């Protein structure tokens, strides 16, 4: 595993223009949905660089068909502003992007087109099934895509806790800690014992861990970001070396796009200063739509030099009652009858049924936080 230093050069902070946008007969005001807000937040913070505005037709088509932008840059998922055509008059030249009364940004409309949503679903999500939450969200978002340069008036901040760090702020925090190698970990679930195992194996090899839970829009049955963050804080306070772990938040919306979203997660974590990224089983998957290691297999097809971040692959881990600790098939000789499968799905199932999580699944302090959170909900 190579040890690549983090670059010393940092991008300049995002410039916010305080001047009000033009308002007139050719201006439309749009109240952002949760997904639109999350995408805008990722674009304006620099988390999705080199993508800096919602994609136009050439980038959308190239991304859908080849996982690349029109200029050939590796990029796996379209970031578009979808609208319903009836809300956008043909004369519209400007869209004011709003959220709860705040004017966040203005788009100068330079392009509009009707996307082939069926094609996008098949290529990006590998399915057109209405059982897939990402496909449902895609079709519900609208039948028209608009694009153009953005003028930023206020940086969206969907999360108000101290863990909110922009990519620039995260890289500065990493530099201040003196870490030369940093492994990023993506999760939308509470951290359970299998996650802890992956983190600590990686920390034996690398300088620091960026624990980077997704706090944007997720499925309705996913555990809320507020409860998850309380669990992460509790776990780190009690079981992790404080000088080796940085807890931040990743404000993206969850698309559940499996392999392609895993690639997006890795590419965007470069912007946060990560040199390495953990990809385990069924990364960014949902249900049975993707193979257990489909995400890892996609990374096999990408030139590591072009990817620019090293992927740490882990096999499925479990708690072995005979070994009395978390292990994988690489380290445990016992058969499956002695293995307890650890997963976010199982954690959610136990909590929703009112059961306390056993110590094999979760640290007692974390289990108490999650149980309390479920009771309050």
Protein backbone atom coordinates (compact mmCIF):
# COMPACT_ATOMS: atom_id res chain seq x y z
CA UNK A 1 0.00 0.00 0.00
CA UNK A 2 1.63 3.23 -1.12
CA UNK A 3 1.92 6.26 1.13
CA UNK A 4 1.10 9.31 -0.91
CA UNK A 5 1.50 12.73 0.70
CA UNK A 6 -1.43 15.09 0.75
CA UNK A 7 -0.81 18.06 -1.52
CA UNK A 8 0.26 21.21 0.30
CA UNK A 9 -1.62 23.46 -2.11
CA UNK A 10 -5.19 24.26 -1.11
CA UNK A 11 -7.95 25.69 -3.26
CA UNK A 12 -9.19 29.16 -2.49
CA UNK A 13 -12.45 29.36 -0.51
CA UNK A 14 -15.66 29.57 -2.49
CA UNK A 15 -16.51 33.20 -3.32
CA UNK A 16 -20.03 34.21 -2.32
CA UNK A 17 -21.54 37.18 -4.16
CA UNK A 18 -23.76 39.23 -1.88
CA UNK A 19 -25.36 41.25 -4.70
CA UNK A 20 -29.03 40.41 -5.25
CA UNK A 21 -29.95 38.69 -8.47
CA UNK A 22 -32.11 40.35 -11.11
CA UNK A 23 -35.81 39.78 -10.67
CA UNK A 24 -38.22 40.28 -13.53
CA UNK A 25 -40.67 38.67 -15.87
CA UNK A 26 -38.01 36.21 -17.06
CA UNK A 27 -37.05 35.06 -13.57
CA UNK A 28 -38.46 31.98 -11.83
CA UNK A 29 -38.16 31.24 -8.11
CA UNK A 30 -37.56 27.59 -7.20
CA UNK A 31 -37.85 26.20 -3.69
CA UNK A 32 -35.23 23.46 -3.64
CA UNK A 33 -36.20 19.91 -2.77
CA UNK A 34 -34.00 18.06 -0.30
CA UNK A 35 -32.12 16.39 -3.17
CA UNK A 36 -31.67 19.63 -5.12
CA UNK A 37 -30.43 21.34 -1.96
CA UNK A 38 -27.93 18.55 -1.32
CA UNK A 39 -26.60 18.68 -4.89
CA UNK A 40 -26.31 22.48 -4.72
CA UNK A 41 -24.45 22.19 -1.43
CA UNK A 42 -21.97 19.69 -2.87
CA UNK A 43 -21.42 21.86 -5.96
CA UNK A 44 -20.94 25.15 -4.13
CA UNK A 45 -18.66 23.74 -1.42
CA UNK A 46 -16.30 22.21 -3.97
CA UNK A 47 -17.11 18.65 -2.92
CA UNK A 48 -18.03 17.72 -6.50
CA UNK A 49 -15.14 19.40 -8.27
CA UNK A 50 -14.38 19.42 -11.17
CA UNK A 51 -18.18 19.63 -11.57
CA UNK A 52 -19.12 23.16 -10.46
CA UNK A 53 -22.66 23.58 -11.79
CA UNK A 54 -25.60 21.40 -12.76
CA UNK A 55 -24.73 19.50 -15.92
CA UNK A 56 -25.81 20.41 -19.43
CA UNK A 57 -26.70 17.94 -22.16
CA UNK A 58 -23.18 17.04 -23.33
CA UNK A 59 -21.92 16.24 -19.83
CA UNK A 60 -25.18 14.47 -18.91
CA UNK A 61 -25.11 12.23 -21.97
CA UNK A 62 -21.41 11.42 -21.69
CA UNK A 63 -21.74 10.69 -17.98
CA UNK A 64 -24.70 8.37 -18.50
CA UNK A 65 -23.11 6.48 -21.37
CA UNK A 66 -19.44 6.32 -20.38
CA UNK A 67 -19.04 7.51 -16.76
CA UNK A 68 -17.12 10.51 -18.06
CA UNK A 69 -17.75 14.19 -18.57
CA UNK A 70 -17.77 15.52 -22.13
CA UNK A 71 -14.08 16.47 -21.78
CA UNK A 72 -13.19 12.87 -20.82
CA UNK A 73 -12.87 13.40 -17.05
CA UNK A 74 -13.92 10.36 -15.01
CA UNK A 75 -17.32 11.04 -13.40
CA UNK A 76 -19.94 8.32 -12.82
CA UNK A 77 -23.27 9.99 -11.90
CA UNK A 78 -25.10 12.91 -13.53
CA UNK A 79 -25.58 15.94 -11.30
CA UNK A 80 -28.50 17.72 -12.94
CA UNK A 81 -31.21 20.20 -12.01
CA UNK A 82 -34.43 18.44 -12.95
CA UNK A 83 -37.69 20.36 -13.06
CA UNK A 84 -41.23 19.76 -14.22
CA UNK A 85 -41.55 21.53 -17.56
CA UNK A 86 -44.84 23.21 -16.65
CA UNK A 87 -43.15 25.32 -13.96
CA UNK A 88 -40.56 26.75 -16.36
CA UNK A 89 -41.90 29.16 -19.00
CA UNK A 90 -40.00 29.18 -22.28
CA UNK A 91 -38.96 32.80 -21.66
CA UNK A 92 -37.17 31.97 -18.39
CA UNK A 93 -33.61 33.27 -18.36
CA UNK A 94 -32.92 33.05 -14.63
CA UNK A 95 -33.79 30.66 -11.80
CA UNK A 96 -33.55 31.81 -8.20
CA UNK A 97 -32.72 28.78 -6.05
CA UNK A 98 -34.30 29.17 -2.60
CA UNK A 99 -34.53 27.21 0.62
CA UNK A 100 -36.75 28.26 3.53
CA UNK A 101 -36.69 31.89 2.51
CA UNK A 102 -32.95 32.06 1.82
CA UNK A 103 -31.77 32.95 -1.66
CA UNK A 104 -28.93 30.49 -2.12
CA UNK A 105 -27.95 30.86 -5.75
CA UNK A 106 -29.05 32.07 -9.15
CA UNK A 107 -28.72 30.06 -12.32
CA UNK A 108 -28.47 31.83 -15.65
CA UNK A 109 -30.40 29.45 -17.88
CA UNK A 110 -28.24 28.66 -20.88
CA UNK A 111 -29.57 25.24 -21.75
CA UNK A 112 -32.62 23.07 -21.28
CA UNK A 113 -33.37 19.59 -22.55
CA UNK A 114 -35.60 16.59 -22.03
CA UNK A 115 -33.51 13.74 -20.57
CA UNK A 116 -34.02 10.11 -21.46
CA UNK A 117 -34.83 9.00 -17.93
CA UNK A 118 -35.26 5.36 -18.90
CA UNK A 119 -31.75 5.31 -20.34
CA UNK A 120 -30.34 7.09 -17.30
CA UNK A 121 -32.01 4.60 -14.97
CA UNK A 122 -30.66 1.57 -16.82
CA UNK A 123 -27.12 2.91 -17.16
CA UNK A 124 -26.67 4.60 -13.77
CA UNK A 125 -28.80 2.38 -11.53
CA UNK A 126 -28.62 -0.78 -13.69
CA UNK A 127 -32.39 -1.14 -13.35
CA UNK A 128 -35.66 0.55 -14.26
CA UNK A 129 -37.50 -1.07 -11.36
CA UNK A 130 -39.84 1.16 -9.39
CA UNK A 131 -38.73 -0.79 -6.33
CA UNK A 132 -35.39 1.03 -6.50
CA UNK A 133 -35.51 4.29 -4.47
CA UNK A 134 -33.00 6.03 -6.74
CA UNK A 135 -35.06 5.24 -9.84
CA UNK A 136 -38.22 6.47 -8.14
CA UNK A 137 -36.51 9.73 -7.19
CA UNK A 138 -35.18 10.14 -10.73
CA UNK A 139 -38.64 9.89 -12.30
CA UNK A 140 -40.30 12.07 -9.67
CA UNK A 141 -37.77 14.90 -10.07
CA UNK A 142 -39.14 16.16 -13.39
CA UNK A 143 -39.12 15.80 -17.15
CA UNK A 144 -36.77 18.69 -17.96
CA UNK A 145 -33.15 19.49 -17.15
CA UNK A 146 -31.80 23.05 -17.06
CA UNK A 147 -28.20 24.15 -16.88
CA UNK A 148 -26.08 27.27 -16.78
CA UNK A 149 -23.57 29.13 -14.62
CA UNK A 150 -24.36 29.58 -10.93
CA UNK A 151 -23.96 32.75 -8.91
CA UNK A 152 -23.74 31.83 -5.23
CA UNK A 153 -25.48 34.14 -2.73
CA UNK A 154 -25.32 32.00 0.42
CA UNK A 155 -23.57 28.71 1.05
CA UNK A 156 -26.12 26.00 1.82
CA UNK A 157 -25.49 24.27 5.13
CA UNK A 158 -27.92 21.43 5.71
CA UNK A 159 -26.19 20.34 8.92
CA UNK A 160 -25.51 22.72 11.81
CA UNK A 161 -23.25 20.68 14.08
CA UNK A 162 -19.54 21.35 14.65
CA UNK A 163 -18.70 18.40 12.41
CA UNK A 164 -19.73 20.37 9.32
CA UNK A 165 -16.48 20.91 7.45
CA UNK A 166 -16.19 21.97 3.82
CA UNK A 167 -13.61 20.17 1.68
CA UNK A 168 -11.19 23.06 2.22
CA UNK A 169 -11.76 23.07 5.97
CA UNK A 170 -11.30 19.30 6.10
CA UNK A 171 -8.00 19.44 4.22
CA UNK A 172 -6.76 22.19 6.53
CA UNK A 173 -7.75 20.09 9.57
CA UNK A 174 -5.85 17.13 8.11
CA UNK A 175 -2.81 19.29 7.47
CA UNK A 176 -2.90 20.67 11.02
CA UNK A 177 -2.88 17.10 12.35
CA UNK A 178 0.18 16.27 10.29
CA UNK A 179 -1.48 13.30 8.58
CA UNK A 180 0.13 12.32 5.30
CA UNK A 181 -2.26 9.44 4.61
CA UNK A 182 -5.98 9.57 5.36
CA UNK A 183 -8.59 6.89 4.80
CA UNK A 184 -12.19 7.96 4.21
CA UNK A 185 -15.17 5.91 5.35
CA UNK A 186 -18.65 6.43 3.92
CA UNK A 187 -21.74 5.34 5.80
CA UNK A 188 -25.44 6.10 5.96
CA UNK A 189 -25.99 3.66 8.84
CA UNK A 190 -25.05 3.75 12.52
CA UNK A 191 -21.51 2.50 13.00
CA UNK A 192 -21.61 -1.11 14.20
CA UNK A 193 -18.86 -3.51 15.27
CA UNK A 194 -18.05 -4.58 11.71
CA UNK A 195 -17.41 -0.94 10.76
CA UNK A 196 -15.20 -0.49 13.79
CA UNK A 197 -13.18 -3.51 12.71
CA UNK A 198 -12.59 -2.02 9.24
CA UNK A 199 -11.61 1.35 10.67
CA UNK A 200 -9.08 -0.04 13.07
CA UNK A 201 -7.49 -2.37 10.55
CA UNK A 202 -7.03 0.63 8.27
CA UNK A 203 -5.62 2.73 11.12
CA UNK A 204 -2.91 0.14 11.67
CA UNK A 205 -1.60 1.13 8.22
CA UNK A 206 -2.50 4.80 7.75
CA UNK A 207 -2.14 8.05 9.69
CA UNK A 208 -5.77 9.08 10.09
CA UNK A 209 -9.42 8.20 9.54
CA UNK A 210 -12.03 10.57 8.15
CA UNK A 211 -15.31 9.14 9.43
CA UNK A 212 -17.63 10.75 6.93
CA UNK A 213 -21.32 9.84 7.34
CA UNK A 214 -23.77 10.95 4.70
CA UNK A 215 -26.29 13.42 6.17
CA UNK A 216 -28.26 14.38 3.05
CA UNK A 217 -31.55 12.85 1.94
CA UNK A 218 -31.93 9.10 2.53
CA UNK A 219 -34.78 6.57 2.42
CA UNK A 220 -37.60 7.11 4.90
CA UNK A 221 -36.71 3.94 6.81
CA UNK A 222 -33.05 4.87 7.25
CA UNK A 223 -32.03 6.07 10.71
CA UNK A 224 -32.01 9.87 10.90
CA UNK A 225 -28.76 11.81 10.66
CA UNK A 226 -29.33 13.33 14.11
CA UNK A 227 -29.51 9.93 15.82
CA UNK A 228 -26.59 8.56 13.82
CA UNK A 229 -24.38 11.53 14.68
CA UNK A 230 -25.06 11.05 18.39
CA UNK A 231 -24.02 7.42 18.00
CA UNK A 232 -20.81 8.32 16.12
CA UNK A 233 -19.80 10.86 18.77
CA UNK A 234 -20.41 8.35 21.55
CA UNK A 235 -18.37 5.66 19.82
CA UNK A 236 -15.42 7.94 19.10
CA UNK A 237 -15.36 9.32 22.64
CA UNK A 238 -15.07 5.85 24.14
CA UNK A 239 -13.29 3.55 21.69
CA UNK A 240 -11.10 5.50 19.23
CA UNK A 241 -7.83 7.42 19.65
CA UNK A 242 -8.85 11.07 19.40
CA UNK A 243 -5.72 12.17 17.58
CA UNK A 244 -6.26 9.64 14.79
CA UNK A 245 -9.89 10.24 13.81
CA UNK A 246 -11.72 13.22 12.31
CA UNK A 247 -15.53 13.15 12.29
CA UNK A 248 -17.05 15.18 9.49
CA UNK A 249 -20.30 15.10 7.54
CA UNK A 250 -20.94 14.43 3.87
CA UNK A 251 -24.02 16.45 2.88
CA UNK A 252 -24.81 14.58 -0.34
CA UNK A 253 -28.14 12.93 -1.06
CA UNK A 254 -28.07 9.15 -1.16
CA UNK A 255 -28.84 7.74 -4.60
CA UNK A 256 -28.39 4.01 -3.82
CA UNK A 257 -26.66 3.62 -7.20
CA UNK A 258 -24.33 0.86 -6.06
CA UNK A 259 -21.04 0.65 -8.01
CA UNK A 260 -21.38 4.02 -9.73
CA UNK A 261 -22.15 5.77 -6.46
CA UNK A 262 -19.19 4.06 -4.81
CA UNK A 263 -17.00 5.60 -7.51
CA UNK A 264 -18.59 9.01 -6.88
CA UNK A 265 -17.96 8.64 -3.16
CA UNK A 266 -14.30 7.91 -3.76
CA UNK A 267 -13.75 10.74 -6.26
CA UNK A 268 -15.42 13.34 -4.06
CA UNK A 269 -13.46 12.22 -0.99
CA UNK A 270 -10.29 13.29 -2.83
CA UNK A 271 -11.64 16.82 -2.55
CA UNK A 272 -11.80 16.35 1.21
CA UNK A 273 -8.14 15.34 1.35
CA UNK A 274 -8.39 11.56 1.51
CA UNK A 275 -5.56 9.50 0.04
CA UNK A 276 -7.40 6.20 0.61
CA UNK A 277 -11.03 5.10 0.66
CA UNK A 278 -12.69 2.00 2.13
CA UNK A 279 -15.01 -0.03 -0.10
CA UNK A 280 -16.61 -3.03 1.53
CA UNK A 281 -19.55 -5.23 0.67
CA UNK A 282 -22.52 -3.82 -1.26
CA UNK A 283 -21.25 -0.24 -1.12
CA UNK A 284 -24.11 2.24 -1.74
CA UNK A 285 -26.41 -0.64 -2.61
CA UNK A 286 -30.02 -1.28 -1.70
CA UNK A 287 -31.97 -4.52 -1.58
CA UNK A 288 -30.63 -7.14 -3.98
CA UNK A 289 -30.04 -4.84 -6.94
CA UNK A 290 -26.25 -5.22 -6.98
CA UNK A 291 -23.78 -8.02 -6.40
CA UNK A 292 -22.07 -8.18 -3.03
CA UNK A 293 -18.74 -6.96 -4.45
CA UNK A 294 -19.98 -5.18 -7.58
CA UNK A 295 -18.51 -1.87 -6.42
CA UNK A 296 -15.07 -3.39 -5.94
CA UNK A 297 -15.31 -4.97 -9.38
CA UNK A 298 -16.03 -1.57 -10.96
CA UNK A 299 -12.87 -0.15 -9.41
CA UNK A 300 -10.95 -2.97 -11.12
CA UNK A 301 -11.85 -1.35 -14.46
CA UNK A 302 -10.54 2.13 -13.55
CA UNK A 303 -6.94 3.20 -14.05
CA UNK A 304 -5.58 3.83 -10.51
CA UNK A 305 -3.58 6.81 -11.76
CA UNK A 306 -6.73 8.41 -13.12
CA UNK A 307 -8.73 7.57 -10.02
CA UNK A 308 -6.18 9.34 -7.85
CA UNK A 309 -7.21 7.71 -4.58
CA UNK A 310 -6.24 4.26 -3.32
CA UNK A 311 -9.08 1.83 -2.65
CA UNK A 312 -8.94 -0.40 0.43
CA UNK A 313 -11.15 -3.42 -0.16
CA UNK A 314 -12.68 -5.47 2.61
CA UNK A 315 -14.61 -8.70 2.45
CA UNK A 316 -17.77 -9.32 4.44
CA UNK A 317 -17.06 -9.28 8.16
CA UNK A 318 -19.02 -10.88 11.00
CA UNK A 319 -18.87 -11.62 14.68
CA UNK A 320 -17.57 -15.11 15.35
CA UNK A 321 -18.90 -16.58 18.59
CA UNK A 322 -15.99 -19.02 18.72
CA UNK A 323 -13.27 -16.41 18.08
CA UNK A 324 -15.21 -13.94 20.25
CA UNK A 325 -14.45 -10.98 17.99
CA UNK A 326 -15.20 -9.52 14.57
CA UNK A 327 -13.42 -11.30 11.74
CA UNK A 328 -13.69 -12.21 8.06
CA UNK A 329 -13.18 -15.41 6.11
CA UNK A 330 -9.56 -14.37 5.71
CA UNK A 331 -8.96 -14.57 9.45
CA UNK A 332 -11.61 -16.91 10.88
CA UNK A 333 -11.48 -20.71 10.42
CA UNK A 334 -14.98 -21.44 11.77
CA UNK A 335 -18.09 -22.23 9.78
CA UNK A 336 -21.10 -19.99 9.27
CA UNK A 337 -23.07 -21.57 12.11
CA UNK A 338 -20.83 -19.59 14.47
CA UNK A 339 -21.02 -16.30 12.57
CA UNK A 340 -23.36 -13.43 13.38
CA UNK A 341 -23.93 -11.24 10.32
CA UNK A 342 -23.49 -7.56 11.12
CA UNK A 343 -25.22 -5.03 8.89
CA UNK A 344 -27.08 -1.75 8.94
CA UNK A 345 -30.21 -3.58 7.81
CA UNK A 346 -30.05 -5.93 10.78
CA UNK A 347 -29.39 -3.05 13.18
CA UNK A 348 -32.44 -1.16 11.87
CA UNK A 349 -34.58 -4.30 12.09
CA UNK A 350 -33.69 -4.93 15.73
CA UNK A 351 -34.17 -1.30 16.75
CA UNK A 352 -37.52 -0.96 14.98
CA UNK A 353 -38.69 -4.07 16.83
CA UNK A 354 -37.83 -2.51 20.17
CA UNK A 355 -34.92 -4.87 20.88
CA UNK A 356 -31.66 -3.76 22.44
CA UNK A 357 -28.65 -4.41 20.26
CA UNK A 358 -26.44 -7.20 21.60
CA UNK A 359 -22.81 -6.37 22.37
CA UNK A 360 -21.77 -8.48 19.37
CA UNK A 361 -23.52 -5.91 17.16
CA UNK A 362 -22.82 -2.64 18.90
CA UNK A 363 -20.94 -1.14 21.82
CA UNK A 364 -23.31 -0.80 24.82
CA UNK A 365 -23.01 3.00 24.94
CA UNK A 366 -23.86 3.24 21.24
CA UNK A 367 -26.73 0.76 21.57
CA UNK A 368 -28.22 2.91 24.34
CA UNK A 369 -28.04 6.04 22.15
CA UNK A 370 -29.73 4.26 19.24
CA UNK A 371 -32.45 2.70 21.41
CA UNK A 372 -33.20 6.08 22.98
CA UNK A 373 -33.32 7.69 19.56
CA UNK A 374 -35.79 5.11 18.28
CA UNK A 375 -38.00 5.51 21.34
CA UNK A 376 -38.09 9.28 20.87
CA UNK A 377 -39.09 8.85 17.22
